[in-house]
Amino acid sequence: MADKNVDSLNVLFDDKCMFTHMGGTWGKQPELETIKSGGIWYKKAVVYSVKVNMFNDNNTAVLLNDIDLVAEVGGRIVTSAFMVTEVYIKENGKWKMGQLTFSHLLRPVKLKNDGNNNNQ
């Protein structure tokens, strides 16, 4: 996502994949268009923890990622604390993303402000 590589993301995202951000929820094509245009540009993610839960005979994976994310949103740099939930489904031996949700955390941002970003 940081590299805006929509061709690779198009393969990873299932056609029915949904994306939930602070600004709303939408499907695969709007997400790819948002990434390509730079409407949301993921600049840096610091991952503090990852938990993986497997379900459905190991064909469904749910990942919980505690992160601080630096992103450019609408031309403004923001830093936020999120719990990111990713759901992957294995079909025909290949993993596809079925859901990506950014849940804003009440904890303070742990990432040190380098003067170039506004903590939110």
Protein backbone atom coordinates (compact mmCIF):
# COMPACT_ATOMS: atom_id res chain seq x y z
CA MET A 1 0.00 0.00 0.00
CA ALA A 2 2.87 2.38 0.80
CA ASP A 3 4.27 1.82 -2.71
CA LYS A 4 0.81 2.34 -4.28
CA ASN A 5 1.29 -0.97 -6.14
CA VAL A 6 -2.34 -1.45 -7.12
CA ASP A 7 -1.53 -4.32 -9.51
CA SER A 8 -0.24 -6.50 -6.66
CA LEU A 9 -3.04 -5.36 -4.36
CA ASN A 10 -5.64 -6.18 -7.02
CA VAL A 11 -4.45 -9.81 -6.90
CA LEU A 12 -4.37 -9.89 -3.07
CA PHE A 13 -7.81 -8.32 -2.51
CA ASP A 14 -10.79 -10.62 -3.07
CA ASP A 15 -13.43 -9.10 -5.34
CA LYS A 16 -15.83 -9.00 -2.34
CA CYS A 17 -13.23 -7.51 0.03
CA MET A 18 -14.39 -4.61 2.19
CA PHE A 19 -12.29 -1.84 3.72
CA THR A 20 -13.24 0.12 6.83
CA HIS A 21 -11.39 3.33 7.57
CA MET A 22 -12.13 6.27 9.85
CA GLY A 23 -13.81 7.95 6.87
CA GLY A 24 -16.09 5.11 5.81
CA THR A 25 -16.46 1.62 4.39
CA TRP A 26 -16.11 0.67 0.73
CA GLY A 27 -15.21 -2.19 -1.61
CA LYS A 28 -12.20 -3.28 -3.61
CA GLN A 29 -12.33 -0.88 -6.57
CA PRO A 30 -12.82 2.29 -4.49
CA GLU A 31 -9.94 1.17 -2.23
CA LEU A 32 -7.62 0.61 -5.20
CA GLU A 33 -8.61 4.00 -6.65
CA THR A 34 -8.01 5.70 -3.27
CA ILE A 35 -4.54 4.13 -3.01
CA LYS A 36 -3.61 4.87 -6.64
CA SER A 37 -4.72 8.51 -6.41
CA GLY A 38 -2.97 9.08 -3.08
CA GLY A 39 -6.25 9.94 -1.32
CA ILE A 40 -4.85 7.82 1.50
CA TRP A 41 -1.08 7.29 1.25
CA TYR A 42 0.39 4.98 3.87
CA LYS A 43 3.81 6.44 4.65
CA LYS A 44 5.00 4.41 7.64
CA ALA A 45 3.61 1.76 9.95
CA VAL A 46 5.21 0.74 13.23
CA VAL A 47 3.85 -2.63 14.33
CA TYR A 48 3.86 -3.30 18.07
CA SER A 49 2.11 -6.66 18.11
CA VAL A 50 0.50 -9.18 15.77
CA LYS A 51 -1.88 -11.93 16.75
CA VAL A 52 -3.03 -14.55 14.25
CA ASN A 53 -6.07 -16.77 14.79
CA MET A 54 -6.75 -19.61 12.35
CA PHE A 55 -10.27 -20.93 11.67
CA ASN A 56 -12.14 -23.21 9.29
CA ASP A 57 -9.49 -25.97 8.99
CA ASN A 58 -6.76 -23.30 8.64
CA ASN A 59 -8.44 -21.78 5.57
CA THR A 60 -9.38 -18.52 7.32
CA ALA A 61 -6.88 -16.29 9.11
CA VAL A 62 -7.75 -13.29 11.28
CA LEU A 63 -4.84 -10.99 12.08
CA LEU A 64 -4.92 -8.30 14.77
CA ASN A 65 -2.15 -5.73 14.43
CA ASP A 66 -1.48 -3.00 17.01
CA ILE A 67 0.17 -0.22 15.00
CA ASP A 68 0.98 3.44 14.78
CA LEU A 69 0.36 4.62 11.23
CA VAL A 70 1.73 7.69 9.53
CA ALA A 71 -0.39 8.49 6.50
CA GLU A 72 -1.12 11.34 4.16
CA VAL A 73 -4.87 11.86 4.05
CA GLY A 74 -6.23 14.61 1.85
CA GLY A 75 -2.79 16.21 1.63
CA ARG A 76 -2.29 16.25 5.41
CA ILE A 77 0.16 14.04 7.33
CA VAL A 78 -1.46 12.34 10.33
CA THR A 79 -0.21 9.79 12.84
CA SER A 80 -2.76 7.53 14.52
CA ALA A 81 -2.87 4.49 16.77
CA PHE A 82 -4.89 1.64 15.25
CA MET A 83 -5.84 -1.95 15.80
CA VAL A 84 -5.90 -3.28 12.26
CA THR A 85 -8.01 -6.36 11.63
CA GLU A 86 -7.25 -8.34 8.49
CA VAL A 87 -9.24 -11.38 7.37
CA TYR A 88 -7.73 -13.74 4.79
CA ILE A 89 -9.41 -16.70 3.11
CA LYS A 90 -7.48 -19.50 1.40
CA GLU A 91 -9.13 -20.63 -1.84
CA ASN A 92 -7.49 -23.01 -4.29
CA GLY A 93 -4.26 -22.81 -2.27
CA LYS A 94 -4.02 -19.00 -2.48
CA TRP A 95 -4.69 -16.43 0.22
CA LYS A 96 -7.03 -13.51 -0.53
CA MET A 97 -7.91 -10.60 1.72
CA GLY A 98 -11.59 -10.50 2.62
CA GLN A 99 -11.67 -7.59 5.10
CA LEU A 100 -9.39 -4.82 6.33
CA THR A 101 -10.53 -2.65 9.23
CA PHE A 102 -8.70 0.21 10.92
CA SER A 103 -10.07 0.72 14.44
CA HIS A 104 -8.82 3.90 16.11
CA LEU A 105 -7.30 3.16 19.54
CA LEU A 106 -7.66 5.41 22.56
CA ARG A 107 -4.07 4.72 23.62
CA PRO A 108 -1.57 7.48 22.91
CA VAL A 109 0.57 7.22 19.79
CA LYS A 110 3.84 5.54 20.77
CA LEU A 111 5.77 6.68 17.69
CA LYS A 112 7.93 9.69 18.47
CA ASN A 113 6.89 12.79 16.57
CA ASP A 114 9.76 13.77 14.28
CA GLY A 115 8.33 17.24 13.62
CA ASN A 116 6.94 16.25 10.21
CA ASN A 117 3.68 14.70 11.33
CA ASN A 118 0.70 15.73 13.37
CA ASN A 119 -0.31 13.21 16.01
CA GLN A 120 -4.01 12.47 16.15
